[in-house]
Amino acid sequence: MQAGLAVQQDLALVSLLGLAHVERNGHHYVNGMAGAPREEQQAFLAGHPDLYEDSQGAVRLRIVNGLLELRSLDAPGYASGALPDWNSMRRSQ
């Protein structure tokens, strides 16, 4: 899964189920959240500073020794401290 709301909600569900290990490697195939507007990237970083980092020109998951920090996902709104920029999205042709 790509970083953003979907991966956050997926990780929150995995955590709720008590699973200690899950493989989510889609973020390895894209440049973090580079496809999202910079303002959206910064909003996710501000909302979840433990889960994301700003590196190599994009906000991306912060992976330390193969682990993700999930504390900021424990919040109202189903693991969401930020929302996608819905107005920047375009319908696929």
PDB file of N, CA and C in Angstrom:
ATOM      1  N   MET A   1       0.829  -1.192   0.000  1.00  0.00           N
ATOM      2  CA  MET A   1       0.000   0.000   0.000  1.00  0.00           C
ATOM      3  C   MET A   1       0.861   1.238   0.000  1.00  0.00           C
ATOM      4  N   GLN A   2       0.375   2.240  -0.658  1.00  0.00           N
ATOM      5  CA  GLN A   2       1.076   3.507  -0.682  1.00  0.00           C
ATOM      6  C   GLN A   2       0.773   4.276   0.604  1.00  0.00           C
ATOM      7  N   ALA A   3       1.749   5.020   1.066  1.00  0.00           N
ATOM      8  CA  ALA A   3       1.569   5.804   2.291  1.00  0.00           C
ATOM      9  C   ALA A   3       0.390   6.763   2.161  1.00  0.00           C
ATOM     10  N   GLY A   4      -0.268   7.013   3.264  1.00  0.00           N
ATOM     11  CA  GLY A   4      -1.436   7.883   3.295  1.00  0.00           C
ATOM     12  C   GLY A   4      -2.555   7.221   4.072  1.00  0.00           C
ATOM     13  N   LEU A   5      -3.742   7.711   3.901  1.00  0.00           N
ATOM     14  CA  LEU A   5      -4.888   7.268   4.692  1.00  0.00           C
ATOM     15  C   LEU A   5      -5.115   5.758   4.616  1.00  0.00           C
ATOM     16  N   ALA A   6      -5.011   5.165   3.432  1.00  0.00           N
ATOM     17  CA  ALA A   6      -5.279   3.726   3.297  1.00  0.00           C
ATOM     18  C   ALA A   6      -4.303   2.884   4.120  1.00  0.00           C
ATOM     19  N   VAL A   7      -3.024   3.192   4.038  1.00  0.00           N
ATOM     20  CA  VAL A   7      -2.057   2.400   4.807  1.00  0.00           C
ATOM     21  C   VAL A   7      -2.237   2.638   6.306  1.00  0.00           C
ATOM     22  N   GLN A   8      -2.581   3.855   6.700  1.00  0.00           N
ATOM     23  CA  GLN A   8      -2.811   4.137   8.120  1.00  0.00           C
ATOM     24  C   GLN A   8      -3.973   3.299   8.653  1.00  0.00           C
ATOM     25  N   GLN A   9      -5.066   3.250   7.919  1.00  0.00           N
ATOM     26  CA  GLN A   9      -6.226   2.495   8.374  1.00  0.00           C
ATOM     27  C   GLN A   9      -5.943   0.996   8.344  1.00  0.00           C
ATOM     28  N   ASP A  10      -5.189   0.548   7.364  1.00  0.00           N
ATOM     29  CA  ASP A  10      -4.794  -0.854   7.312  1.00  0.00           C
ATOM     30  C   ASP A  10      -3.928  -1.213   8.520  1.00  0.00           C
ATOM     31  N   LEU A  11      -2.971  -0.364   8.843  1.00  0.00           N
ATOM     32  CA  LEU A  11      -2.106  -0.625   9.996  1.00  0.00           C
ATOM     33  C   LEU A  11      -2.881  -0.577  11.308  1.00  0.00           C
ATOM     34  N   ALA A  12      -3.833   0.330  11.420  1.00  0.00           N
ATOM     35  CA  ALA A  12      -4.650   0.403  12.632  1.00  0.00           C
ATOM     36  C   ALA A  12      -5.462  -0.880  12.808  1.00  0.00           C
ATOM     37  N   LEU A  13      -6.021  -1.389  11.731  1.00  0.00           N
ATOM     38  CA  LEU A  13      -6.796  -2.633  11.804  1.00  0.00           C
ATOM     39  C   LEU A  13      -5.900  -3.803  12.196  1.00  0.00           C
ATOM     40  N   VAL A  14      -4.728  -3.897  11.596  1.00  0.00           N
ATOM     41  CA  VAL A  14      -3.782  -4.961  11.930  1.00  0.00           C
ATOM     42  C   VAL A  14      -3.432  -4.895  13.416  1.00  0.00           C
ATOM     43  N   SER A  15      -3.190  -3.695  13.909  1.00  0.00           N
ATOM     44  CA  SER A  15      -2.860  -3.511  15.318  1.00  0.00           C
ATOM     45  C   SER A  15      -4.028  -3.914  16.217  1.00  0.00           C
ATOM     46  N   LEU A  16      -5.228  -3.504  15.841  1.00  0.00           N
ATOM     47  CA  LEU A  16      -6.418  -3.863  16.616  1.00  0.00           C
ATOM     48  C   LEU A  16      -6.597  -5.380  16.694  1.00  0.00           C
ATOM     49  N   LEU A  17      -6.263  -6.066  15.606  1.00  0.00           N
ATOM     50  CA  LEU A  17      -6.361  -7.524  15.583  1.00  0.00           C
ATOM     51  C   LEU A  17      -5.251  -8.202  16.383  1.00  0.00           C
ATOM     52  N   GLY A  18      -4.279  -7.405  16.835  1.00  0.00           N
ATOM     53  CA  GLY A  18      -3.196  -7.940  17.663  1.00  0.00           C
ATOM     54  C   GLY A  18      -2.083  -8.602  16.868  1.00  0.00           C
ATOM     55  N   LEU A  19      -2.029  -8.348  15.571  1.00  0.00           N
ATOM     56  CA  LEU A  19      -0.975  -8.945  14.762  1.00  0.00           C
ATOM     57  C   LEU A  19       0.316  -8.157  14.948  1.00  0.00           C
ATOM     58  N   ALA A  20       1.384  -8.843  15.254  1.00  0.00           N
ATOM     59  CA  ALA A  20       2.656  -8.180  15.513  1.00  0.00           C
ATOM     60  C   ALA A  20       3.484  -7.995  14.246  1.00  0.00           C
ATOM     61  N   HIS A  21       3.115  -8.672  13.171  1.00  0.00           N
ATOM     62  CA  HIS A  21       3.879  -8.573  11.939  1.00  0.00           C
ATOM     63  C   HIS A  21       2.937  -8.564  10.746  1.00  0.00           C
ATOM     64  N   VAL A  22       3.199  -7.665   9.839  1.00  0.00           N
ATOM     65  CA  VAL A  22       2.443  -7.600   8.591  1.00  0.00           C
ATOM     66  C   VAL A  22       3.374  -7.030   7.534  1.00  0.00           C
ATOM     67  N   GLU A  23       3.282  -7.551   6.333  1.00  0.00           N
ATOM     68  CA  GLU A  23       4.121  -7.025   5.265  1.00  0.00           C
ATOM     69  C   GLU A  23       3.288  -6.114   4.378  1.00  0.00           C
ATOM     70  N   ARG A  24       3.715  -4.882   4.278  1.00  0.00           N
ATOM     71  CA  ARG A  24       3.089  -3.884   3.411  1.00  0.00           C
ATOM     72  C   ARG A  24       4.227  -3.199   2.684  1.00  0.00           C
ATOM     73  N   ASN A  25       4.492  -3.584   1.453  1.00  0.00           N
ATOM     74  CA  ASN A  25       5.696  -3.087   0.804  1.00  0.00           C
ATOM     75  C   ASN A  25       5.455  -2.218  -0.420  1.00  0.00           C
ATOM     76  N   GLY A  26       4.232  -1.781  -0.686  1.00  0.00           N
ATOM     77  CA  GLY A  26       3.966  -0.937  -1.843  1.00  0.00           C
ATOM     78  C   GLY A  26       4.747   0.359  -1.821  1.00  0.00           C
ATOM     79  N   HIS A  27       5.052   0.864  -0.631  1.00  0.00           N
ATOM     80  CA  HIS A  27       5.796   2.113  -0.526  1.00  0.00           C
ATOM     81  C   HIS A  27       7.217   1.980  -1.070  1.00  0.00           C
ATOM     82  N   HIS A  28       7.700   0.771  -1.248  1.00  0.00           N
ATOM     83  CA  HIS A  28       9.036   0.569  -1.809  1.00  0.00           C
ATOM     84  C   HIS A  28       9.061   0.792  -3.317  1.00  0.00           C
ATOM     85  N   TYR A  29       7.888   0.771  -3.948  1.00  0.00           N
ATOM     86  CA  TYR A  29       7.826   0.858  -5.402  1.00  0.00           C
ATOM     87  C   TYR A  29       7.467   2.244  -5.917  1.00  0.00           C
ATOM     88  N   VAL A  30       7.190   3.154  -5.030  1.00  0.00           N
ATOM     89  CA  VAL A  30       6.872   4.529  -5.413  1.00  0.00           C
ATOM     90  C   VAL A  30       7.731   5.467  -4.573  1.00  0.00           C
ATOM     91  N   ASN A  31       7.806   6.710  -4.968  1.00  0.00           N
ATOM     92  CA  ASN A  31       8.595   7.696  -4.235  1.00  0.00           C
ATOM     93  C   ASN A  31       7.767   8.283  -3.101  1.00  0.00           C
ATOM     94  N   GLY A  32       7.479   7.481  -2.093  1.00  0.00           N
ATOM     95  CA  GLY A  32       6.708   7.953  -0.947  1.00  0.00           C
ATOM     96  C   GLY A  32       5.384   8.551  -1.388  1.00  0.00           C
ATOM     97  N   MET A  33       5.081   9.722  -0.875  1.00  0.00           N
ATOM     98  CA  MET A  33       3.837  10.414  -1.214  1.00  0.00           C
ATOM     99  C   MET A  33       4.075  11.482  -2.286  1.00  0.00           C
ATOM    100  N   ALA A  34       5.143  11.329  -3.088  1.00  0.00           N
ATOM    101  CA  ALA A  34       5.513  12.346  -4.079  1.00  0.00           C
ATOM    102  C   ALA A  34       4.387  12.631  -5.068  1.00  0.00           C
ATOM    103  N   GLY A  35       3.479  11.710  -5.276  1.00  0.00           N
ATOM    104  CA  GLY A  35       2.362  11.932  -6.189  1.00  0.00           C
ATOM    105  C   GLY A  35       1.284  12.836  -5.627  1.00  0.00           C
ATOM    106  N   ALA A  36       1.349  13.104  -4.339  1.00  0.00           N
ATOM    107  CA  ALA A  36       0.364  13.975  -3.677  1.00  0.00           C
ATOM    108  C   ALA A  36       0.914  15.402  -3.628  1.00  0.00           C
ATOM    109  N   PRO A  37       0.025  16.392  -3.561  1.00  0.00           N
ATOM    110  CA  PRO A  37       0.499  17.773  -3.417  1.00  0.00           C
ATOM    111  C   PRO A  37       1.362  17.926  -2.160  1.00  0.00           C
ATOM    112  N   ARG A  38       2.322  18.807  -2.223  1.00  0.00           N
ATOM    113  CA  ARG A  38       3.239  19.005  -1.090  1.00  0.00           C
ATOM    114  C   ARG A  38       2.482  19.364   0.190  1.00  0.00           C
ATOM    115  N   GLU A  39       1.427  20.163   0.075  1.00  0.00           N
ATOM    116  CA  GLU A  39       0.646  20.548   1.256  1.00  0.00           C
ATOM    117  C   GLU A  39      -0.002  19.319   1.905  1.00  0.00           C
ATOM    118  N   GLU A  40      -0.482  18.401   1.088  1.00  0.00           N
ATOM    119  CA  GLU A  40      -1.071  17.165   1.616  1.00  0.00           C
ATOM    120  C   GLU A  40       0.003  16.329   2.307  1.00  0.00           C
ATOM    121  N   GLN A  41       1.153  16.208   1.698  1.00  0.00           N
ATOM    122  CA  GLN A  41       2.243  15.453   2.311  1.00  0.00           C
ATOM    123  C   GLN A  41       2.593  16.032   3.679  1.00  0.00           C
ATOM    124  N   GLN A  42       2.701  17.350   3.751  1.00  0.00           N
ATOM    125  CA  GLN A  42       3.056  18.001   5.004  1.00  0.00           C
ATOM    126  C   GLN A  42       1.963  17.826   6.062  1.00  0.00           C
ATOM    127  N   ALA A  43       0.704  17.792   5.633  1.00  0.00           N
ATOM    128  CA  ALA A  43      -0.397  17.580   6.580  1.00  0.00           C
ATOM    129  C   ALA A  43      -0.311  16.182   7.196  1.00  0.00           C
ATOM    130  N   PHE A  44       0.011  15.178   6.386  1.00  0.00           N
ATOM    131  CA  PHE A  44       0.154  13.821   6.917  1.00  0.00           C
ATOM    132  C   PHE A  44       1.364  13.730   7.843  1.00  0.00           C
ATOM    133  N   LEU A  45       2.440  14.397   7.481  1.00  0.00           N
ATOM    134  CA  LEU A  45       3.629  14.409   8.337  1.00  0.00           C
ATOM    135  C   LEU A  45       3.321  15.080   9.673  1.00  0.00           C
ATOM    136  N   ALA A  46       2.606  16.189   9.648  1.00  0.00           N
ATOM    137  CA  ALA A  46       2.247  16.892  10.887  1.00  0.00           C
ATOM    138  C   ALA A  46       1.267  16.072  11.724  1.00  0.00           C
ATOM    139  N   GLY A  47       0.347  15.381  11.080  1.00  0.00           N
ATOM    140  CA  GLY A  47      -0.648  14.586  11.797  1.00  0.00           C
ATOM    141  C   GLY A  47      -0.098  13.288  12.358  1.00  0.00           C
ATOM    142  N   HIS A  48       0.969  12.798  11.749  1.00  0.00           N
ATOM    143  CA  HIS A  48       1.558  11.516  12.164  1.00  0.00           C
ATOM    144  C   HIS A  48       3.078  11.583  12.100  1.00  0.00           C
ATOM    145  N   PRO A  49       3.686  12.437  12.946  1.00  0.00           N
ATOM    146  CA  PRO A  49       5.140  12.617  12.869  1.00  0.00           C
ATOM    147  C   PRO A  49       5.939  11.380  13.274  1.00  0.00           C
ATOM    148  N   ASP A  50       5.293  10.431  13.938  1.00  0.00           N
ATOM    149  CA  ASP A  50       5.984   9.194  14.287  1.00  0.00           C
ATOM    150  C   ASP A  50       5.987   8.197  13.133  1.00  0.00           C
ATOM    151  N   LEU A  51       5.015   8.274  12.256  1.00  0.00           N
ATOM    152  CA  LEU A  51       4.852   7.310  11.172  1.00  0.00           C
ATOM    153  C   LEU A  51       5.547   7.739   9.883  1.00  0.00           C
ATOM    154  N   TYR A  52       5.690   9.050   9.691  1.00  0.00           N
ATOM    155  CA  TYR A  52       6.261   9.564   8.445  1.00  0.00           C
ATOM    156  C   TYR A  52       7.529  10.362   8.696  1.00  0.00           C
ATOM    157  N   GLU A  53       8.311  10.534   7.628  1.00  0.00           N
ATOM    158  CA  GLU A  53       9.470  11.409   7.629  1.00  0.00           C
ATOM    159  C   GLU A  53       9.544  12.089   6.273  1.00  0.00           C
ATOM    160  N   ASP A  54      10.209  13.205   6.237  1.00  0.00           N
ATOM    161  CA  ASP A  54      10.424  13.932   4.986  1.00  0.00           C
ATOM    162  C   ASP A  54      11.842  13.617   4.547  1.00  0.00           C
ATOM    163  N   SER A  55      11.984  12.845   3.464  1.00  0.00           N
ATOM    164  CA  SER A  55      13.320  12.491   2.995  1.00  0.00           C
ATOM    165  C   SER A  55      13.309  12.322   1.479  1.00  0.00           C
ATOM    166  N   GLN A  56      14.419  12.621   0.873  1.00  0.00           N
ATOM    167  CA  GLN A  56      14.601  12.477  -0.570  1.00  0.00           C
ATOM    168  C   GLN A  56      13.505  13.186  -1.367  1.00  0.00           C
ATOM    169  N   GLY A  57      13.047  14.328  -0.860  1.00  0.00           N
ATOM    170  CA  GLY A  57      12.093  15.147  -1.595  1.00  0.00           C
ATOM    171  C   GLY A  57      10.641  14.774  -1.461  1.00  0.00           C
ATOM    172  N   ALA A  58      10.323  13.836  -0.574  1.00  0.00           N
ATOM    173  CA  ALA A  58       8.923  13.434  -0.391  1.00  0.00           C
ATOM    174  C   ALA A  58       8.704  12.942   1.037  1.00  0.00           C
ATOM    175  N   VAL A  59       7.468  13.030   1.475  1.00  0.00           N
ATOM    176  CA  VAL A  59       7.096  12.435   2.765  1.00  0.00           C
ATOM    177  C   VAL A  59       6.893  10.950   2.510  1.00  0.00           C
ATOM    178  N   ARG A  60       7.440  10.143   3.376  1.00  0.00           N
ATOM    179  CA  ARG A  60       7.362   8.685   3.226  1.00  0.00           C
ATOM    180  C   ARG A  60       7.286   8.029   4.593  1.00  0.00           C
ATOM    181  N   LEU A  61       6.940   6.749   4.608  1.00  0.00           N
ATOM    182  CA  LEU A  61       6.907   6.015   5.866  1.00  0.00           C
ATOM    183  C   LEU A  61       8.291   6.023   6.507  1.00  0.00           C
ATOM    184  N   ARG A  62       8.312   6.211   7.817  1.00  0.00           N
ATOM    185  CA  ARG A  62       9.566   6.150   8.562  1.00  0.00           C
ATOM    186  C   ARG A  62       9.723   4.723   9.063  1.00  0.00           C
ATOM    187  N   ILE A  63      10.661   4.018   8.487  1.00  0.00           N
ATOM    188  CA  ILE A  63      10.917   2.625   8.854  1.00  0.00           C
ATOM    189  C   ILE A  63      12.255   2.587   9.579  1.00  0.00           C
ATOM    190  N   VAL A  64      12.235   2.140  10.828  1.00  0.00           N
ATOM    191  CA  VAL A  64      13.442   2.061  11.638  1.00  0.00           C
ATOM    192  C   VAL A  64      13.630   0.614  12.064  1.00  0.00           C
ATOM    193  N   ASN A  65      14.713   0.022  11.607  1.00  0.00           N
ATOM    194  CA  ASN A  65      14.996  -1.392  11.908  1.00  0.00           C
ATOM    195  C   ASN A  65      13.825  -2.281  11.524  1.00  0.00           C
ATOM    196  N   GLY A  66      13.186  -1.971  10.409  1.00  0.00           N
ATOM    197  CA  GLY A  66      12.074  -2.785   9.908  1.00  0.00           C
ATOM    198  C   GLY A  66      10.749  -2.546  10.608  1.00  0.00           C
ATOM    199  N   LEU A  67      10.671  -1.543  11.480  1.00  0.00           N
ATOM    200  CA  LEU A  67       9.471  -1.293  12.271  1.00  0.00           C
ATOM    201  C   LEU A  67       8.861   0.073  11.970  1.00  0.00           C
ATOM    202  N   LEU A  68       7.558   0.158  12.145  1.00  0.00           N
ATOM    203  CA  LEU A  68       6.821   1.415  12.031  1.00  0.00           C
ATOM    204  C   LEU A  68       6.285   1.789  13.405  1.00  0.00           C
ATOM    205  N   GLU A  69       6.317   3.055  13.733  1.00  0.00           N
ATOM    206  CA  GLU A  69       5.727   3.555  14.978  1.00  0.00           C
ATOM    207  C   GLU A  69       4.275   3.921  14.691  1.00  0.00           C
ATOM    208  N   LEU A  70       3.348   3.401  15.485  1.00  0.00           N
ATOM    209  CA  LEU A  70       1.921   3.565  15.206  1.00  0.00           C
ATOM    210  C   LEU A  70       1.162   4.379  16.243  1.00  0.00           C
ATOM    211  N   ARG A  71       1.828   4.942  17.214  1.00  0.00           N
ATOM    212  CA  ARG A  71       1.114   5.611  18.311  1.00  0.00           C
ATOM    213  C   ARG A  71       0.152   6.688  17.836  1.00  0.00           C
ATOM    214  N   SER A  72       0.535   7.450  16.838  1.00  0.00           N
ATOM    215  CA  SER A  72      -0.329   8.554  16.398  1.00  0.00           C
ATOM    216  C   SER A  72      -1.604   8.061  15.705  1.00  0.00           C
ATOM    217  N   LEU A  73      -1.658   6.776  15.361  1.00  0.00           N
ATOM    218  CA  LEU A  73      -2.872   6.240  14.740  1.00  0.00           C
ATOM    219  C   LEU A  73      -3.993   6.037  15.747  1.00  0.00           C
ATOM    220  N   ASP A  74      -3.645   6.010  17.031  1.00  0.00           N
ATOM    221  CA  ASP A  74      -4.641   5.844  18.090  1.00  0.00           C
ATOM    222  C   ASP A  74      -5.267   7.202  18.387  1.00  0.00           C
ATOM    223  N   ALA A  75      -6.204   7.580  17.509  1.00  0.00           N
ATOM    224  CA  ALA A  75      -6.840   8.891  17.610  1.00  0.00           C
ATOM    225  C   ALA A  75      -8.234   8.825  17.005  1.00  0.00           C
ATOM    226  N   PRO A  76      -9.095   9.744  17.363  1.00  0.00           N
ATOM    227  CA  PRO A  76     -10.426   9.780  16.734  1.00  0.00           C
ATOM    228  C   PRO A  76     -10.299   9.940  15.222  1.00  0.00           C
ATOM    229  N   GLY A  77     -11.223   9.347  14.500  1.00  0.00           N
ATOM    230  CA  GLY A  77     -11.220   9.481  13.047  1.00  0.00           C
ATOM    231  C   GLY A  77     -10.624   8.288  12.330  1.00  0.00           C
ATOM    232  N   TYR A  78     -10.581   7.153  12.968  1.00  0.00           N
ATOM    233  CA  TYR A  78     -10.050   5.916  12.386  1.00  0.00           C
ATOM    234  C   TYR A  78      -8.657   6.121  11.801  1.00  0.00           C
ATOM    235  N   ALA A  79      -7.726   6.387  12.662  1.00  0.00           N
ATOM    236  CA  ALA A  79      -6.305   6.464  12.331  1.00  0.00           C
ATOM    237  C   ALA A  79      -5.967   7.628  11.415  1.00  0.00           C
ATOM    238  N   SER A  80      -6.717   8.689  11.502  1.00  0.00           N
ATOM    239  CA  SER A  80      -6.506   9.786  10.566  1.00  0.00           C
ATOM    240  C   SER A  80      -6.269  11.116  11.257  1.00  0.00           C
ATOM    241  N   GLY A  81      -5.029  11.579  11.201  1.00  0.00           N
ATOM    242  CA  GLY A  81      -4.710  12.913  11.678  1.00  0.00           C
ATOM    243  C   GLY A  81      -4.654  13.903  10.531  1.00  0.00           C
ATOM    244  N   ALA A  82      -4.903  13.410   9.315  1.00  0.00           N
ATOM    245  CA  ALA A  82      -4.925  14.244   8.110  1.00  0.00           C
ATOM    246  C   ALA A  82      -5.752  13.508   7.063  1.00  0.00           C
ATOM    247  N   LEU A  83      -6.265  14.263   6.124  1.00  0.00           N
ATOM    248  CA  LEU A  83      -7.054  13.682   5.034  1.00  0.00           C
ATOM    249  C   LEU A  83      -6.409  14.018   3.696  1.00  0.00           C
ATOM    250  N   PRO A  84      -6.644  13.174   2.687  1.00  0.00           N
ATOM    251  CA  PRO A  84      -6.146  13.508   1.349  1.00  0.00           C
ATOM    252  C   PRO A  84      -6.737  14.836   0.876  1.00  0.00           C
ATOM    253  N   ASP A  85      -6.056  15.464  -0.044  1.00  0.00           N
ATOM    254  CA  ASP A  85      -6.550  16.685  -0.675  1.00  0.00           C
ATOM    255  C   ASP A  85      -7.510  16.258  -1.780  1.00  0.00           C
ATOM    256  N   TRP A  86      -8.760  16.091  -1.415  1.00  0.00           N
ATOM    257  CA  TRP A  86      -9.759  15.566  -2.347  1.00  0.00           C
ATOM    258  C   TRP A  86      -9.874  16.432  -3.602  1.00  0.00           C
ATOM    259  N   ASN A  87      -9.699  17.746  -3.477  1.00  0.00           N
ATOM    260  CA  ASN A  87      -9.835  18.644  -4.624  1.00  0.00           C
ATOM    261  C   ASN A  87      -8.722  18.488  -5.648  1.00  0.00           C
ATOM    262  N   SER A  88      -7.583  17.933  -5.233  1.00  0.00           N
ATOM    263  CA  SER A  88      -6.476  17.758  -6.182  1.00  0.00           C
ATOM    264  C   SER A  88      -6.598  16.472  -6.982  1.00  0.00           C
ATOM    265  N   MET A  89      -7.508  15.588  -6.584  1.00  0.00           N
ATOM    266  CA  MET A  89      -7.656  14.298  -7.265  1.00  0.00           C
ATOM    267  C   MET A  89      -8.398  14.479  -8.585  1.00  0.00           C
ATOM    268  N   ARG A  90      -7.978  13.705  -9.557  1.00  0.00           N
ATOM    269  CA  ARG A  90      -8.593  13.752 -10.887  1.00  0.00           C
ATOM    270  C   ARG A  90      -9.095  12.363 -11.250  1.00  0.00           C
ATOM    271  N   ARG A  91     -10.207  12.338 -11.933  1.00  0.00           N
ATOM    272  CA  ARG A  91     -10.788  11.078 -12.374  1.00  0.00           C
ATOM    273  C   ARG A  91      -9.879  10.438 -13.426  1.00  0.00           C
ATOM    274  N   SER A  92      -9.672   9.150 -13.296  1.00  0.00           N
ATOM    275  CA  SER A  92      -8.859   8.410 -14.261  1.00  0.00           C
ATOM    276  C   SER A  92      -9.638   8.252 -15.565  1.00  0.00           C
ATOM    277  N   GLN A  93      -8.943   8.366 -16.671  1.00  0.00           N
ATOM    278  CA  GLN A  93      -9.590   8.216 -17.989  1.00  0.00           C
ATOM    279  C   GLN A  93      -9.597   6.782 -18.428  1.00  0.00           C
TER     280      GLN A  93
END
